Amino acid sequence: MKLNKHFDYAIKEIEKINASPEKRRTIMTFEEKLNEVRYEGMEKGKAEGIAVGERRGIAVGERKGKALGKTEAVVETYYELGQNRQAALSAVKKLKLISDQEAEELVNRIYGEE
């Protein structure tokens, strides 16, 4: 069967390689090395991806922790000054450092549940 001269040439070369045990061994060794390099690259990429994710997670956690700490200081100040719960909640929501739900939970924790 003749499809085109390039395809025919490729088929003949493959048949030559398959006919020679030495050439087949060389090709198989090369394929094994390629697979090893590919696997090592995947492992390295995975490790780098995890490291980047951890750094980002730590950065987000630190920002969130700072925001919560600042907000908590505001609520505690309102509480110590005798301000009512609603004033503290309003001030914290205006800061927009934490979600409204987190703000309500924080105010409830410091002022006590209603």
Protein backbone atom coordinates (compact mmCIF):
# COMPACT_ATOMS: atom_id res chain seq x y z
CA MET A 1 0.00 0.00 0.00
CA LYS A 2 1.48 3.33 -1.01
CA LEU A 3 0.10 6.47 0.64
CA ASN A 4 2.89 8.91 -0.05
CA LYS A 5 6.66 8.85 -0.25
CA HIS A 6 7.21 10.29 3.26
CA PHE A 7 4.92 7.79 4.92
CA ASP A 8 6.50 4.93 2.97
CA TYR A 9 9.97 6.10 4.00
CA ALA A 10 8.93 6.23 7.68
CA ILE A 11 7.49 2.70 7.50
CA LYS A 12 10.71 1.34 5.95
CA GLU A 13 12.83 2.98 8.66
CA ILE A 14 10.62 1.56 11.41
CA GLU A 15 10.91 -1.90 9.87
CA LYS A 16 14.73 -1.54 9.79
CA ILE A 17 14.81 -0.55 13.47
CA ASN A 18 12.51 -3.42 14.45
CA ALA A 19 14.69 -5.88 12.53
CA SER A 20 17.83 -4.90 14.46
CA PRO A 21 17.92 -5.97 18.14
CA GLU A 22 20.67 -3.41 18.88
CA LYS A 23 18.71 -0.53 17.38
CA ARG A 24 15.54 -1.64 19.21
CA ARG A 25 17.48 -1.77 22.49
CA THR A 26 18.86 1.74 21.84
CA ILE A 27 15.38 3.09 21.12
CA MET A 28 13.91 1.41 24.20
CA THR A 29 16.72 2.76 26.41
CA PHE A 30 16.10 6.23 24.99
CA GLU A 31 12.35 5.91 25.69
CA GLU A 32 13.05 4.79 29.28
CA LYS A 33 15.32 7.81 29.81
CA LEU A 34 12.65 10.11 28.39
CA ASN A 35 10.07 8.64 30.77
CA GLU A 36 12.44 9.08 33.72
CA VAL A 37 13.09 12.70 32.80
CA ARG A 38 9.36 13.29 32.33
CA TYR A 39 8.60 11.74 35.72
CA GLU A 40 11.32 13.76 37.44
CA GLY A 41 9.98 16.91 35.80
CA MET A 42 6.48 16.14 36.98
CA GLU A 43 7.69 15.54 40.53
CA LYS A 44 9.71 18.75 40.51
CA GLY A 45 6.74 20.69 39.13
CA LYS A 46 4.46 19.18 41.74
CA ALA A 47 6.85 20.12 44.55
CA GLU A 48 7.21 23.65 43.20
CA GLY A 49 3.43 23.96 42.89
CA ILE A 50 2.94 22.84 46.47
CA ALA A 51 5.58 25.29 47.68
CA VAL A 52 3.93 28.17 45.82
CA GLY A 53 0.54 27.17 47.21
CA GLU A 54 1.90 27.02 50.74
CA ARG A 55 3.49 30.48 50.41
CA ARG A 56 0.25 31.93 49.07
CA GLY A 57 -1.75 30.23 51.80
CA ILE A 58 0.56 31.59 54.49
CA ALA A 59 0.34 35.09 53.02
CA VAL A 60 -3.46 34.94 52.91
CA GLY A 61 -3.55 33.57 56.46
CA GLU A 62 -1.27 36.32 57.72
CA ARG A 63 -3.39 39.03 56.08
CA LYS A 64 -6.55 37.47 57.47
CA GLY A 65 -4.99 37.18 60.93
CA LYS A 66 -3.88 40.82 60.90
CA ALA A 67 -7.32 41.95 59.75
CA LEU A 68 -8.99 39.92 62.48
CA GLY A 69 -6.56 41.26 65.09
CA LYS A 70 -7.20 44.87 64.10
CA THR A 71 -10.94 44.30 64.07
CA GLU A 72 -10.85 42.59 67.44
CA ALA A 73 -8.94 45.55 68.89
CA VAL A 74 -11.65 47.91 67.64
CA VAL A 75 -14.45 45.83 69.15
CA GLU A 76 -12.61 45.50 72.47
CA THR A 77 -12.07 49.27 72.56
CA TYR A 78 -15.77 49.90 71.95
CA TYR A 79 -16.61 47.38 74.67
CA GLU A 80 -14.18 48.90 77.19
CA LEU A 81 -15.52 52.40 76.47
CA GLY A 82 -19.05 51.19 77.22
CA GLN A 83 -20.31 51.57 73.67
CA ASN A 84 -23.23 49.39 72.68
CA ARG A 85 -23.01 46.27 70.57
CA GLN A 86 -24.59 47.88 67.50
CA ALA A 87 -22.07 50.74 67.46
CA ALA A 88 -19.19 48.27 67.62
CA LEU A 89 -20.71 46.11 64.88
CA SER A 90 -21.32 49.13 62.65
CA ALA A 91 -17.73 50.35 63.09
CA VAL A 92 -16.30 46.93 62.30
CA LYS A 93 -18.45 46.51 59.19
CA LYS A 94 -17.34 49.94 57.92
CA LEU A 95 -13.69 48.83 58.18
CA LYS A 96 -14.43 46.02 55.69
CA LEU A 97 -11.48 43.99 56.98
CA ILE A 98 -13.57 40.90 57.63
CA SER A 99 -16.93 39.63 56.38
CA ASP A 100 -20.15 40.80 57.99
CA GLN A 101 -20.73 37.31 59.38
CA GLU A 102 -17.24 37.25 60.94
CA ALA A 103 -17.87 40.73 62.36
CA GLU A 104 -21.11 39.58 63.99
CA GLU A 105 -19.42 36.48 65.43
CA LEU A 106 -16.58 38.61 66.81
CA VAL A 107 -18.91 41.15 68.40
CA ASN A 108 -20.99 38.32 69.90
CA ARG A 109 -17.88 36.70 71.33
CA ILE A 110 -16.66 39.91 72.97
CA TYR A 111 -20.04 41.31 74.05
CA GLY A 112 -21.57 37.94 74.77
CA GLU A 113 -24.45 36.32 72.89
CA GLU A 114 -27.79 38.11 72.82
